[in-house]
Protein backbone atom coordinates (compact mmCIF):
# COMPACT_ATOMS: atom_id res chain seq x y z
CA UNK A 1 0.00 0.00 0.00
CA UNK A 2 1.42 3.36 -1.02
CA UNK A 3 1.18 6.54 0.97
CA UNK A 4 -1.39 7.83 -1.50
CA UNK A 5 -3.51 4.69 -1.00
CA UNK A 6 -3.72 5.45 2.73
CA UNK A 7 -5.34 8.83 2.13
CA UNK A 8 -9.10 9.15 2.17
CA UNK A 9 -10.64 9.38 -1.32
CA UNK A 10 -12.24 12.78 -0.78
CA UNK A 11 -8.92 14.24 0.30
CA UNK A 12 -7.11 12.74 -2.68
CA UNK A 13 -9.66 14.19 -5.09
CA UNK A 14 -9.91 17.61 -3.44
CA UNK A 15 -6.14 17.82 -2.99
CA UNK A 16 -5.39 16.96 -6.59
CA UNK A 17 -7.91 19.55 -7.83
CA UNK A 18 -6.41 22.29 -5.66
CA UNK A 19 -2.76 21.37 -6.24
CA UNK A 20 -3.22 21.18 -9.99
CA UNK A 21 -4.89 24.58 -10.06
CA UNK A 22 -2.14 26.12 -7.91
CA UNK A 23 0.66 24.56 -9.97
CA UNK A 24 -0.90 25.43 -13.33
CA UNK A 25 -1.71 28.99 -12.36
CA UNK A 26 1.73 29.51 -10.81
CA UNK A 27 3.48 28.21 -13.91
CA UNK A 28 1.37 30.24 -16.31
CA UNK A 29 1.73 33.37 -14.16
CA UNK A 30 5.52 33.12 -14.46
CA UNK A 31 5.38 32.13 -18.15
CA UNK A 32 2.06 33.56 -19.44
CA UNK A 33 2.82 32.97 -23.11
CA UNK A 34 3.37 29.24 -22.70
CA UNK A 35 1.37 27.45 -25.37
CA UNK A 36 1.25 23.82 -26.41
CA UNK A 37 1.07 23.74 -30.19
CA UNK A 38 0.74 20.57 -32.23
CA UNK A 39 1.21 21.58 -35.83
CA UNK A 40 -1.18 24.46 -36.49
CA UNK A 41 -3.33 23.60 -33.44
CA UNK A 42 -3.09 25.31 -30.06
CA UNK A 43 -3.95 22.74 -27.40
CA UNK A 44 -5.47 24.43 -24.35
CA UNK A 45 -5.51 22.74 -20.98
CA UNK A 46 -9.25 22.22 -21.41
CA UNK A 47 -8.48 19.54 -23.99
CA UNK A 48 -5.60 18.07 -21.99
CA UNK A 49 -7.90 17.96 -18.96
CA UNK A 50 -10.60 16.13 -20.90
CA UNK A 51 -8.06 13.48 -21.98
CA UNK A 52 -6.83 13.04 -18.40
CA UNK A 53 -10.43 12.90 -17.11
CA UNK A 54 -11.24 10.19 -19.63
CA UNK A 55 -8.09 8.11 -19.08
CA UNK A 56 -8.44 8.20 -15.28
CA UNK A 57 -12.19 8.56 -14.82
CA UNK A 58 -13.42 5.56 -16.81
CA UNK A 59 -11.31 2.94 -14.99
CA UNK A 60 -11.97 4.67 -11.65
CA UNK A 61 -15.72 4.41 -12.20
CA UNK A 62 -15.66 0.87 -13.56
CA UNK A 63 -13.04 -0.65 -11.24
CA UNK A 64 -13.28 1.60 -8.20
CA UNK A 65 -10.52 3.42 -6.37
CA UNK A 66 -9.90 1.07 -3.45
CA UNK A 67 -7.49 -1.31 -5.21
CA UNK A 68 -3.88 -0.83 -6.28
CA UNK A 69 -3.50 2.35 -8.27
CA UNK A 70 -7.04 3.44 -7.48
CA UNK A 71 -6.01 6.57 -5.61
CA UNK A 72 -3.66 7.45 -8.47
CA UNK A 73 -6.63 7.26 -10.86
CA UNK A 74 -8.57 9.48 -8.47
CA UNK A 75 -5.72 12.00 -8.31
CA UNK A 76 -5.48 12.00 -12.10
CA UNK A 77 -9.21 12.54 -12.36
CA UNK A 78 -8.89 15.51 -10.00
CA UNK A 79 -6.03 16.98 -12.02
CA UNK A 80 -8.03 16.70 -15.24
CA UNK A 81 -11.11 18.15 -13.57
CA UNK A 82 -9.11 21.11 -12.31
CA UNK A 83 -7.76 21.82 -15.79
CA UNK A 84 -11.22 21.63 -17.35
CA UNK A 85 -12.90 23.84 -14.74
CA UNK A 86 -10.12 26.43 -14.82
CA UNK A 87 -10.14 26.73 -18.61
CA UNK A 88 -13.94 26.73 -18.71
CA UNK A 89 -14.11 29.79 -16.44
CA UNK A 90 -11.33 31.47 -18.42
CA UNK A 91 -13.23 31.01 -21.69
CA UNK A 92 -16.44 32.38 -20.16
CA UNK A 93 -15.08 35.47 -18.38
CA UNK A 94 -12.32 36.58 -20.78
CA UNK A 95 -11.73 37.25 -24.44
CA UNK A 96 -9.31 34.33 -24.61
CA UNK A 97 -5.90 36.00 -24.62
CA UNK A 98 -2.89 34.81 -22.65
CA UNK A 99 -2.75 38.18 -20.85
CA UNK A 100 -6.37 37.81 -19.73
CA UNK A 101 -5.68 34.32 -18.40
CA UNK A 102 -3.51 35.74 -15.63
CA UNK A 103 -6.00 38.56 -14.94
CA UNK A 104 -8.13 38.76 -11.83
CA UNK A 105 -11.52 37.73 -13.33
CA UNK A 106 -10.06 34.49 -14.66
CA UNK A 107 -7.98 33.79 -11.55
CA UNK A 108 -10.80 34.54 -9.11
CA UNK A 109 -13.35 32.61 -11.16
CA UNK A 110 -11.05 29.61 -11.45
CA UNK A 111 -10.25 29.69 -7.73
CA UNK A 112 -13.94 29.82 -6.82
CA UNK A 113 -14.88 26.99 -9.17
CA UNK A 114 -12.07 24.60 -8.18
CA UNK A 115 -12.68 25.51 -4.53
CA UNK A 116 -16.36 24.61 -4.86
CA UNK A 117 -15.48 21.36 -6.65
CA UNK A 118 -13.05 20.46 -3.87
CA UNK A 119 -15.59 21.19 -1.15
CA UNK A 120 -18.16 19.13 -3.04
CA UNK A 121 -15.72 16.21 -3.28
CA UNK A 122 -15.11 16.34 0.47
CA UNK A 123 -18.84 16.62 1.17
CA UNK A 124 -19.94 13.63 -0.90
CA UNK A 125 -16.95 11.38 -0.13
CA UNK A 126 -17.90 7.99 1.36
CA UNK A 127 -17.87 8.06 5.15
CA UNK A 128 -17.42 11.84 5.02
CA UNK A 129 -13.75 11.40 4.13
CA UNK A 130 -12.92 8.54 6.48
CA UNK A 131 -11.08 5.47 5.29
CA UNK A 132 -13.86 3.13 6.37
CA UNK A 133 -16.55 2.30 3.82
CA UNK A 134 -19.93 3.89 4.27
CA UNK A 135 -21.97 2.00 6.85
CA UNK A 136 -24.86 0.03 5.50
CA UNK A 137 -28.39 1.12 6.25
CA UNK A 138 -28.73 -1.90 8.49
CA UNK A 139 -27.58 -1.25 12.03
CA UNK A 140 -24.45 -3.15 13.07
CA UNK A 141 -26.05 -3.93 16.43
CA UNK A 142 -29.06 -5.65 14.94
CA UNK A 143 -29.13 -9.43 14.99
CA UNK A 144 -30.42 -11.40 12.01
């Protein structure tokens, strides 16, 4: 069991969303004209996030996150989600330039959205972010 596997799922998801946002925004604040171009196409982190969401989210949903590598899938899902939410707000509140990306409307909107997503992840996590699985509806003290 890795150190990541010992963390509660809600914390892994919320942490990966917040850390990805902080890392991405920090990097792009220092280097605002960083673009990923493949041929004539500019690949925004919205598209990269969708790929990461897909690659990590499908096996996480179908196989679960309790087994080996499950928390890594969950962290990857959170990273992709953070990228998608951040770029989504940027596209809504700005004209789409690199200079506007590091502006306050985009930064504040992204921070609010990833913050809400992180709080939601912690709120709906099984067992309210405890390692134990959610208790069944049947009382443990009841006898058959």
